[in-house]
Full PDB file with SEQRES, HELIX, SHEET, SSBOND, CRYST1, ORIGX, SCALE, CONECT and MASTER records, all heavy atoms in Angstrom:
SEQRES   1 A   38  SER LYS GLY SER ALA ALA LYS GLY GLU VAL TYR PHE ASN          
SEQRES   2 A   38  THR LEU CYS ALA VAL CYS HIS GLY PRO ASP GLY LYS LYS          
SEQRES   3 A   38  VAL SER THR GLY MET PRO LEU GLY GLN ALA SER ASP              
HELIX    1 AA1 ALA A    5  TYR A   11  1                                   7    
HELIX    2 AA2 PHE A   12  CYS A   16  3                                   5    
HELIX    3 AA3 ALA A   17  HIS A   20  1                                   4    
HELIX    4 AA4 LEU A   33  ALA A   36  1                                   4    
CRYST1    1.000    1.000    1.000  90.00  90.00  90.00 P 1           1          
ORIGX1      1.000000  0.000000  0.000000        0.00000                         
ORIGX2      0.000000  1.000000  0.000000        0.00000                         
ORIGX3      0.000000  0.000000  1.000000        0.00000                         
SCALE1      1.000000  0.000000  0.000000        0.00000                         
SCALE2      0.000000  1.000000  0.000000        0.00000                         
SCALE3      0.000000  0.000000  1.000000        0.00000                         
ATOM      1  N   SER A   1      -5.704  -7.208  -7.408  1.00  0.00           N  
ATOM      2  CA  SER A   1      -6.691  -6.088  -7.693  1.00  0.00           C  
ATOM      3  C   SER A   1      -7.519  -6.389  -8.902  1.00  0.00           C  
ATOM      4  O   SER A   1      -7.024  -7.009  -9.904  1.00  0.00           O  
ATOM      5  CB  SER A   1      -5.929  -4.802  -7.935  1.00  0.00           C  
ATOM      6  OG  SER A   1      -6.701  -3.826  -8.350  1.00  0.00           O  
ATOM      7  N   LYS A   2      -8.739  -5.971  -8.867  1.00  0.00           N  
ATOM      8  CA  LYS A   2      -9.678  -6.191 -10.025  1.00  0.00           C  
ATOM      9  C   LYS A   2      -9.512  -5.060 -11.013  1.00  0.00           C  
ATOM     10  O   LYS A   2     -10.269  -4.897 -11.997  1.00  0.00           O  
ATOM     11  CB  LYS A   2     -11.085  -6.315  -9.634  1.00  0.00           C  
ATOM     12  CG  LYS A   2     -11.326  -7.588  -8.707  1.00  0.00           C  
ATOM     13  CD  LYS A   2     -12.856  -7.743  -8.476  1.00  0.00           C  
ATOM     14  CE  LYS A   2     -13.165  -9.031  -7.680  1.00  0.00           C  
ATOM     15  NZ  LYS A   2     -14.653  -9.122  -7.328  1.00  0.00           N  
ATOM     16  N   GLY A   3      -8.716  -4.145 -10.771  1.00  0.00           N  
ATOM     17  CA  GLY A   3      -8.604  -2.928 -11.588  1.00  0.00           C  
ATOM     18  C   GLY A   3      -7.801  -3.178 -12.923  1.00  0.00           C  
ATOM     19  O   GLY A   3      -7.310  -4.324 -13.096  1.00  0.00           O  
ATOM     20  N   SER A   4      -7.817  -2.152 -13.699  1.00  0.00           N  
ATOM     21  CA  SER A   4      -7.130  -2.187 -14.952  1.00  0.00           C  
ATOM     22  C   SER A   4      -5.764  -1.579 -14.905  1.00  0.00           C  
ATOM     23  O   SER A   4      -5.654  -0.391 -14.588  1.00  0.00           O  
ATOM     24  CB  SER A   4      -7.974  -1.450 -16.039  1.00  0.00           C  
ATOM     25  OG  SER A   4      -7.162  -1.169 -17.168  1.00  0.00           O  
ATOM     26  N   ALA A   5      -4.703  -2.409 -15.054  1.00  0.00           N  
ATOM     27  CA  ALA A   5      -3.382  -1.939 -14.982  1.00  0.00           C  
ATOM     28  C   ALA A   5      -3.078  -0.853 -16.023  1.00  0.00           C  
ATOM     29  O   ALA A   5      -2.279   0.134 -15.758  1.00  0.00           O  
ATOM     30  CB  ALA A   5      -2.292  -3.047 -15.008  1.00  0.00           C  
ATOM     31  N   ALA A   6      -3.671  -1.041 -17.253  1.00  0.00           N  
ATOM     32  CA  ALA A   6      -3.397  -0.032 -18.292  1.00  0.00           C  
ATOM     33  C   ALA A   6      -3.946   1.345 -17.967  1.00  0.00           C  
ATOM     34  O   ALA A   6      -3.289   2.289 -18.116  1.00  0.00           O  
ATOM     35  CB  ALA A   6      -4.151  -0.624 -19.589  1.00  0.00           C  
ATOM     36  N   LYS A   7      -5.181   1.463 -17.306  1.00  0.00           N  
ATOM     37  CA  LYS A   7      -5.709   2.663 -16.885  1.00  0.00           C  
ATOM     38  C   LYS A   7      -4.954   3.139 -15.692  1.00  0.00           C  
ATOM     39  O   LYS A   7      -4.555   4.327 -15.590  1.00  0.00           O  
ATOM     40  CB  LYS A   7      -7.189   2.524 -16.566  1.00  0.00           C  
ATOM     41  CG  LYS A   7      -8.119   2.290 -17.723  1.00  0.00           C  
ATOM     42  CD  LYS A   7      -9.527   2.116 -17.079  1.00  0.00           C  
ATOM     43  CE  LYS A   7     -10.506   1.861 -18.262  1.00  0.00           C  
ATOM     44  NZ  LYS A   7     -11.975   1.619 -17.676  1.00  0.00           N  
ATOM     45  N   GLY A   8      -4.501   2.284 -14.829  1.00  0.00           N  
ATOM     46  CA  GLY A   8      -3.805   2.544 -13.675  1.00  0.00           C  
ATOM     47  C   GLY A   8      -2.526   3.292 -13.971  1.00  0.00           C  
ATOM     48  O   GLY A   8      -1.981   4.065 -13.204  1.00  0.00           O  
ATOM     49  N   GLU A   9      -1.810   2.935 -15.030  1.00  0.00           N  
ATOM     50  CA  GLU A   9      -0.572   3.513 -15.389  1.00  0.00           C  
ATOM     51  C   GLU A   9      -0.715   5.058 -15.647  1.00  0.00           C  
ATOM     52  O   GLU A   9       0.146   5.804 -15.159  1.00  0.00           O  
ATOM     53  CB  GLU A   9       0.046   2.939 -16.582  1.00  0.00           C  
ATOM     54  CG  GLU A   9       1.312   3.464 -17.039  1.00  0.00           C  
ATOM     55  CD  GLU A   9       1.951   2.692 -18.281  1.00  0.00           C  
ATOM     56  OE1 GLU A   9       1.343   1.939 -18.894  1.00  0.00           O  
ATOM     57  OE2 GLU A   9       3.177   2.957 -18.517  1.00  0.00           O  
ATOM     58  N   VAL A  10      -1.789   5.386 -16.255  1.00  0.00           N  
ATOM     59  CA  VAL A  10      -1.977   6.825 -16.528  1.00  0.00           C  
ATOM     60  C   VAL A  10      -2.301   7.559 -15.207  1.00  0.00           C  
ATOM     61  O   VAL A  10      -1.689   8.684 -14.957  1.00  0.00           O  
ATOM     62  CB  VAL A  10      -3.272   7.042 -17.460  1.00  0.00           C  
ATOM     63  CG1 VAL A  10      -3.506   8.521 -17.674  1.00  0.00           C  
ATOM     64  CG2 VAL A  10      -3.018   6.313 -18.840  1.00  0.00           C  
ATOM     65  N   TYR A  11      -3.123   6.948 -14.330  1.00  0.00           N  
ATOM     66  CA  TYR A  11      -3.450   7.528 -13.040  1.00  0.00           C  
ATOM     67  C   TYR A  11      -2.163   7.662 -12.204  1.00  0.00           C  
ATOM     68  O   TYR A  11      -1.946   8.613 -11.524  1.00  0.00           O  
ATOM     69  CB  TYR A  11      -4.561   6.760 -12.364  1.00  0.00           C  
ATOM     70  CG  TYR A  11      -5.810   6.763 -13.058  1.00  0.00           C  
ATOM     71  CD1 TYR A  11      -6.480   5.540 -13.087  1.00  0.00           C  
ATOM     72  CD2 TYR A  11      -6.394   7.831 -13.660  1.00  0.00           C  
ATOM     73  CE1 TYR A  11      -7.718   5.351 -13.704  1.00  0.00           C  
ATOM     74  CE2 TYR A  11      -7.662   7.756 -14.264  1.00  0.00           C  
ATOM     75  CZ  TYR A  11      -8.238   6.558 -14.306  1.00  0.00           C  
ATOM     76  OH  TYR A  11      -9.592   6.539 -14.983  1.00  0.00           O  
ATOM     77  N   PHE A  12      -1.366   6.590 -12.164  1.00  0.00           N  
ATOM     78  CA  PHE A  12      -0.226   6.540 -11.309  1.00  0.00           C  
ATOM     79  C   PHE A  12       0.784   7.647 -11.703  1.00  0.00           C  
ATOM     80  O   PHE A  12       1.315   8.403 -10.950  1.00  0.00           O  
ATOM     81  CB  PHE A  12       0.433   5.161 -11.456  1.00  0.00           C  
ATOM     82  CG  PHE A  12       1.782   5.121 -10.624  1.00  0.00           C  
ATOM     83  CD1 PHE A  12       1.697   4.815  -9.333  1.00  0.00           C  
ATOM     84  CD2 PHE A  12       2.989   5.430 -11.186  1.00  0.00           C  
ATOM     85  CE1 PHE A  12       2.883   4.597  -8.472  1.00  0.00           C  
ATOM     86  CE2 PHE A  12       4.216   5.357 -10.463  1.00  0.00           C  
ATOM     87  CZ  PHE A  12       4.124   4.986  -9.160  1.00  0.00           C  
ATOM     88  N   ASN A  13       0.983   7.790 -13.085  1.00  0.00           N  
ATOM     89  CA  ASN A  13       1.954   8.759 -13.498  1.00  0.00           C  
ATOM     90  C   ASN A  13       1.537  10.137 -13.275  1.00  0.00           C  
ATOM     91  O   ASN A  13       2.464  11.162 -13.318  1.00  0.00           O  
ATOM     92  CB  ASN A  13       2.136   8.527 -15.013  1.00  0.00           C  
ATOM     93  CG  ASN A  13       3.034   7.285 -15.431  1.00  0.00           C  
ATOM     94  OD1 ASN A  13       3.734   6.784 -14.453  1.00  0.00           O  
ATOM     95  ND2 ASN A  13       2.894   6.679 -16.528  1.00  0.00           N  
ATOM     96  N   THR A  14       0.314  10.435 -13.197  1.00  0.00           N  
ATOM     97  CA  THR A  14      -0.267  11.794 -12.978  1.00  0.00           C  
ATOM     98  C   THR A  14      -0.497  12.095 -11.528  1.00  0.00           C  
ATOM     99  O   THR A  14      -0.551  13.303 -11.151  1.00  0.00           O  
ATOM    100  CB  THR A  14      -1.484  12.085 -13.835  1.00  0.00           C  
ATOM    101  OG1 THR A  14      -2.489  11.070 -13.633  1.00  0.00           O  
ATOM    102  CG2 THR A  14      -1.171  12.082 -15.312  1.00  0.00           C  
ATOM    103  N   LEU A  15      -0.872  11.178 -10.704  1.00  0.00           N  
ATOM    104  CA  LEU A  15      -1.237  11.233  -9.304  1.00  0.00           C  
ATOM    105  C   LEU A  15      -0.165  10.813  -8.268  1.00  0.00           C  
ATOM    106  O   LEU A  15      -0.064  11.499  -7.322  1.00  0.00           O  
ATOM    107  CB  LEU A  15      -2.567  10.507  -9.050  1.00  0.00           C  
ATOM    108  CG  LEU A  15      -3.784  10.991  -9.712  1.00  0.00           C  
ATOM    109  CD1 LEU A  15      -4.939   9.988  -9.539  1.00  0.00           C  
ATOM    110  CD2 LEU A  15      -4.227  12.346  -9.188  1.00  0.00           C  
ATOM    111  N   CYS A  16       0.601   9.868  -8.651  1.00  0.00           N  
ATOM    112  CA  CYS A  16       1.392   9.205  -7.639  1.00  0.00           C  
ATOM    113  C   CYS A  16       2.871   9.410  -7.894  1.00  0.00           C  
ATOM    114  O   CYS A  16       3.720   9.345  -6.934  1.00  0.00           O  
ATOM    115  CB  CYS A  16       1.094   7.777  -7.586  1.00  0.00           C  
ATOM    116  SG  CYS A  16      -0.637   7.390  -7.330  1.00  0.00           S  
ATOM    117  N   ALA A  17       3.338   9.354  -9.171  1.00  0.00           N  
ATOM    118  CA  ALA A  17       4.733   9.281  -9.512  1.00  0.00           C  
ATOM    119  C   ALA A  17       5.582  10.459  -8.962  1.00  0.00           C  
ATOM    120  O   ALA A  17       6.699  10.398  -8.716  1.00  0.00           O  
ATOM    121  CB  ALA A  17       4.914   9.109 -10.921  1.00  0.00           C  
ATOM    122  N   VAL A  18       4.920  11.617  -8.811  1.00  0.00           N  
ATOM    123  CA  VAL A  18       5.545  12.857  -8.438  1.00  0.00           C  
ATOM    124  C   VAL A  18       6.277  12.605  -7.042  1.00  0.00           C  
ATOM    125  O   VAL A  18       7.338  13.151  -6.808  1.00  0.00           O  
ATOM    126  CB  VAL A  18       4.698  14.053  -8.414  1.00  0.00           C  
ATOM    127  CG1 VAL A  18       3.563  13.944  -7.505  1.00  0.00           C  
ATOM    128  CG2 VAL A  18       5.482  15.461  -8.240  1.00  0.00           C  
ATOM    129  N   CYS A  19       5.576  11.866  -6.206  1.00  0.00           N  
ATOM    130  CA  CYS A  19       6.161  11.611  -4.909  1.00  0.00           C  
ATOM    131  C   CYS A  19       6.849  10.286  -4.830  1.00  0.00           C  
ATOM    132  O   CYS A  19       7.890  10.129  -4.174  1.00  0.00           O  
ATOM    133  CB  CYS A  19       5.038  11.668  -3.833  1.00  0.00           C  
ATOM    134  SG  CYS A  19       4.436  13.319  -3.462  1.00  0.00           S  
ATOM    135  N   HIS A  20       6.190   9.251  -5.389  1.00  0.00           N  
ATOM    136  CA  HIS A  20       6.711   7.897  -5.304  1.00  0.00           C  
ATOM    137  C   HIS A  20       7.740   7.552  -6.343  1.00  0.00           C  
ATOM    138  O   HIS A  20       8.471   6.576  -6.273  1.00  0.00           O  
ATOM    139  CB  HIS A  20       5.564   6.809  -5.375  1.00  0.00           C  
ATOM    140  CG  HIS A  20       4.709   6.856  -4.177  1.00  0.00           C  
ATOM    141  ND1 HIS A  20       5.040   6.143  -2.978  1.00  0.00           N  
ATOM    142  CD2 HIS A  20       3.521   7.393  -3.920  1.00  0.00           C  
ATOM    143  CE1 HIS A  20       4.104   6.243  -2.132  1.00  0.00           C  
ATOM    144  NE2 HIS A  20       3.139   7.002  -2.574  1.00  0.00           N  
ATOM    145  N   GLY A  21       7.867   8.340  -7.457  1.00  0.00           N  
ATOM    146  CA  GLY A  21       8.800   8.112  -8.438  1.00  0.00           C  
ATOM    147  C   GLY A  21       8.196   7.088  -9.500  1.00  0.00           C  
ATOM    148  O   GLY A  21       7.289   6.330  -9.157  1.00  0.00           O  
ATOM    149  N   PRO A  22       8.674   7.175 -10.774  1.00  0.00           N  
ATOM    150  CA  PRO A  22       8.144   6.283 -11.760  1.00  0.00           C  
ATOM    151  C   PRO A  22       8.136   4.913 -11.475  1.00  0.00           C  
ATOM    152  O   PRO A  22       7.430   4.085 -11.855  1.00  0.00           O  
ATOM    153  CB  PRO A  22       8.923   6.690 -13.064  1.00  0.00           C  
ATOM    154  CG  PRO A  22       9.508   8.021 -12.720  1.00  0.00           C  
ATOM    155  CD  PRO A  22       9.644   8.164 -11.244  1.00  0.00           C  
ATOM    156  N   ASP A  23       9.251   4.489 -10.581  1.00  0.00           N  
ATOM    157  CA  ASP A  23       9.470   3.187 -10.298  1.00  0.00           C  
ATOM    158  C   ASP A  23       8.856   2.772  -8.956  1.00  0.00           C  
ATOM    159  O   ASP A  23       9.027   1.559  -8.508  1.00  0.00           O  
ATOM    160  CB  ASP A  23      10.965   2.791 -10.293  1.00  0.00           C  
ATOM    161  CG  ASP A  23      11.763   3.547  -9.269  1.00  0.00           C  
ATOM    162  OD1 ASP A  23      11.180   4.518  -8.583  1.00  0.00           O  
ATOM    163  OD2 ASP A  23      12.972   3.317  -9.090  1.00  0.00           O  
ATOM    164  N   GLY A  24       8.237   3.733  -8.275  1.00  0.00           N  
ATOM    165  CA  GLY A  24       7.597   3.449  -6.949  1.00  0.00           C  
ATOM    166  C   GLY A  24       8.521   3.271  -5.773  1.00  0.00           C  
ATOM    167  O   GLY A  24       8.250   2.864  -4.673  1.00  0.00           O  
ATOM    168  N   LYS A  25       9.860   3.733  -5.991  1.00  0.00           N  
ATOM    169  CA  LYS A  25      10.759   3.506  -4.915  1.00  0.00           C  
ATOM    170  C   LYS A  25      11.370   4.852  -4.320  1.00  0.00           C  
ATOM    171  O   LYS A  25      12.229   4.818  -3.533  1.00  0.00           O  
ATOM    172  CB  LYS A  25      12.099   2.728  -5.539  1.00  0.00           C  
ATOM    173  CG  LYS A  25      11.787   1.252  -5.852  1.00  0.00           C  
ATOM    174  CD  LYS A  25      13.034   0.623  -6.217  1.00  0.00           C  
ATOM    175  CE  LYS A  25      12.780  -0.887  -6.533  1.00  0.00           C  
ATOM    176  NZ  LYS A  25      14.030  -1.569  -6.748  1.00  0.00           N  
ATOM    177  N   LYS A  26      10.810   5.972  -4.809  1.00  0.00           N  
ATOM    178  CA  LYS A  26      11.295   7.295  -4.386  1.00  0.00           C  
ATOM    179  C   LYS A  26      11.141   7.511  -2.887  1.00  0.00           C  
ATOM    180  O   LYS A  26      11.980   8.189  -2.251  1.00  0.00           O  
ATOM    181  CB  LYS A  26      10.746   8.383  -5.217  1.00  0.00           C  
ATOM    182  CG  LYS A  26      11.259   9.697  -4.958  1.00  0.00           C  
ATOM    183  CD  LYS A  26      10.668  10.673  -5.937  1.00  0.00           C  
ATOM    184  CE  LYS A  26      11.236  12.208  -5.716  1.00  0.00           C  
ATOM    185  NZ  LYS A  26      10.564  13.195  -6.626  1.00  0.00           N  
ATOM    186  N   VAL A  27       9.993   7.070  -2.290  1.00  0.00           N  
ATOM    187  CA  VAL A  27       9.714   7.422  -0.889  1.00  0.00           C  
ATOM    188  C   VAL A  27      10.542   6.285  -0.009  1.00  0.00           C  
ATOM    189  O   VAL A  27      10.163   5.083  -0.086  1.00  0.00           O  
ATOM    190  CB  VAL A  27       8.210   7.245  -0.556  1.00  0.00           C  
ATOM    191  CG1 VAL A  27       7.929   7.496   0.844  1.00  0.00           C  
ATOM    192  CG2 VAL A  27       7.551   8.347  -1.423  1.00  0.00           C  
ATOM    193  N   SER A  28      11.398   6.851   0.680  1.00  0.00           N  
ATOM    194  CA  SER A  28      12.384   5.925   1.396  1.00  0.00           C  
ATOM    195  C   SER A  28      11.818   5.511   2.760  1.00  0.00           C  
ATOM    196  O   SER A  28      12.367   4.530   3.393  1.00  0.00           O  
ATOM    197  CB  SER A  28      13.781   6.686   1.721  1.00  0.00           C  
ATOM    198  OG  SER A  28      13.615   7.858   2.433  1.00  0.00           O  
ATOM    199  N   THR A  29      10.756   6.105   3.287  1.00  0.00           N  
ATOM    200  CA  THR A  29      10.177   5.779   4.506  1.00  0.00           C  
ATOM    201  C   THR A  29       9.177   4.477   4.477  1.00  0.00           C  
ATOM    202  O   THR A  29       8.729   4.090   5.514  1.00  0.00           O  
ATOM    203  CB  THR A  29       9.410   6.967   5.119  1.00  0.00           C  
ATOM    204  OG1 THR A  29       8.430   7.361   4.250  1.00  0.00           O  
ATOM    205  CG2 THR A  29      10.286   8.086   5.387  1.00  0.00           C  
ATOM    206  N   GLY A  30       8.933   4.015   3.322  1.00  0.00           N  
ATOM    207  CA  GLY A  30       8.123   2.795   3.175  1.00  0.00           C  
ATOM    208  C   GLY A  30       8.651   1.888   2.215  1.00  0.00           C  
ATOM    209  O   GLY A  30       9.695   2.135   1.523  1.00  0.00           O  
ATOM    210  N   MET A  31       8.084   0.732   2.116  1.00  0.00           N  
ATOM    211  CA  MET A  31       8.479  -0.272   1.165  1.00  0.00           C  
ATOM    212  C   MET A  31       8.218   0.176  -0.269  1.00  0.00           C  
ATOM    213  O   MET A  31       7.218   0.976  -0.563  1.00  0.00           O  
ATOM    214  CB  MET A  31       7.800  -1.693   1.431  1.00  0.00           C  
ATOM    215  CG  MET A  31       6.445  -1.733   1.149  1.00  0.00           C  
ATOM    216  SD  MET A  31       5.707  -3.414   1.376  1.00  0.00           S  
ATOM    217  CE  MET A  31       5.926  -3.689   3.116  1.00  0.00           C  
ATOM    218  N   PRO A  32       8.988  -0.267  -1.266  1.00  0.00           N  
ATOM    219  CA  PRO A  32       8.663   0.052  -2.685  1.00  0.00           C  
ATOM    220  C   PRO A  32       7.209  -0.301  -2.978  1.00  0.00           C  
ATOM    221  O   PRO A  32       6.718  -1.353  -2.480  1.00  0.00           O  
ATOM    222  CB  PRO A  32       9.761  -0.754  -3.486  1.00  0.00           C  
ATOM    223  CG  PRO A  32      10.797  -1.046  -2.474  1.00  0.00           C  
ATOM    224  CD  PRO A  32      10.109  -1.078  -1.184  1.00  0.00           C  
ATOM    225  N   LEU A  33       6.553   0.476  -3.868  1.00  0.00           N  
ATOM    226  CA  LEU A  33       5.244   0.095  -4.230  1.00  0.00           C  
ATOM    227  C   LEU A  33       5.022  -1.200  -4.911  1.00  0.00           C  
ATOM    228  O   LEU A  33       4.020  -1.878  -4.773  1.00  0.00           O  
ATOM    229  CB  LEU A  33       4.617   1.268  -5.095  1.00  0.00           C  
ATOM    230  CG  LEU A  33       4.470   2.557  -4.342  1.00  0.00           C  
ATOM    231  CD1 LEU A  33       3.687   3.594  -5.163  1.00  0.00           C  
ATOM    232  CD2 LEU A  33       3.638   2.458  -2.968  1.00  0.00           C  
ATOM    233  N   GLY A  34       6.109  -1.626  -5.633  1.00  0.00           N  
ATOM    234  CA  GLY A  34       6.045  -2.895  -6.314  1.00  0.00           C  
ATOM    235  C   GLY A  34       6.009  -4.118  -5.287  1.00  0.00           C  
ATOM    236  O   GLY A  34       5.188  -5.102  -5.454  1.00  0.00           O  
ATOM    237  N   GLN A  35       6.581  -3.834  -4.123  1.00  0.00           N  
ATOM    238  CA  GLN A  35       6.538  -4.905  -3.094  1.00  0.00           C  
ATOM    239  C   GLN A  35       5.220  -4.716  -2.264  1.00  0.00           C  
ATOM    240  O   GLN A  35       4.622  -5.732  -1.993  1.00  0.00           O  
ATOM    241  CB  GLN A  35       7.830  -4.650  -2.104  1.00  0.00           C  
ATOM    242  CG  GLN A  35       7.868  -5.629  -0.941  1.00  0.00           C  
ATOM    243  CD  GLN A  35       9.030  -5.295   0.041  1.00  0.00           C  
ATOM    244  OE1 GLN A  35       9.955  -4.514  -0.415  1.00  0.00           O  
ATOM    245  NE2 GLN A  35       8.998  -5.898   1.109  1.00  0.00           N  
ATOM    246  N   ALA A  36       4.789  -3.522  -2.097  1.00  0.00           N  
ATOM    247  CA  ALA A  36       3.582  -3.194  -1.388  1.00  0.00           C  
ATOM    248  C   ALA A  36       2.353  -3.805  -2.196  1.00  0.00           C  
ATOM    249  O   ALA A  36       1.284  -4.113  -1.622  1.00  0.00           O  
ATOM    250  CB  ALA A  36       3.300  -1.841  -1.125  1.00  0.00           C  
ATOM    251  N   SER A  37       2.495  -3.925  -3.465  1.00  0.00           N  
ATOM    252  CA  SER A  37       1.324  -4.550  -4.225  1.00  0.00           C  
ATOM    253  C   SER A  37       1.023  -5.920  -3.935  1.00  0.00           C  
ATOM    254  O   SER A  37      -0.071  -6.417  -4.382  1.00  0.00           O  
ATOM    255  CB  SER A  37       1.781  -4.370  -5.820  1.00  0.00           C  
ATOM    256  OG  SER A  37       2.769  -5.329  -6.119  1.00  0.00           O  
ATOM    257  N   ASP A  38       1.868  -6.596  -3.177  1.00  0.00           N  
ATOM    258  CA  ASP A  38       1.511  -7.902  -2.745  1.00  0.00           C  
ATOM    259  C   ASP A  38       0.310  -7.743  -1.667  1.00  0.00           C  
ATOM    260  O   ASP A  38      -0.215  -8.928  -1.261  1.00  0.00           O  
ATOM    261  CB  ASP A  38       2.693  -8.602  -1.988  1.00  0.00           C  
ATOM    262  CG  ASP A  38       3.756  -8.927  -3.138  1.00  0.00           C  
ATOM    263  OD1 ASP A  38       3.362  -9.088  -4.247  1.00  0.00           O  
ATOM    264  OD2 ASP A  38       4.969  -9.142  -2.729  1.00  0.00           O  
TER     265      ASP A  38                                                      
MASTER        0    0    0    4    0    0    0    6  264    1    0    3          
END                                                                             
């Protein structure tokens, strides 16, 4: 990704973490987001 990880942390924590969890593993129906980042 050409994006900024520093900015992305703020967006992730306010838009995504509530469902995916702070570690990206909360949603059990899909792969962890750390793995999906590939």
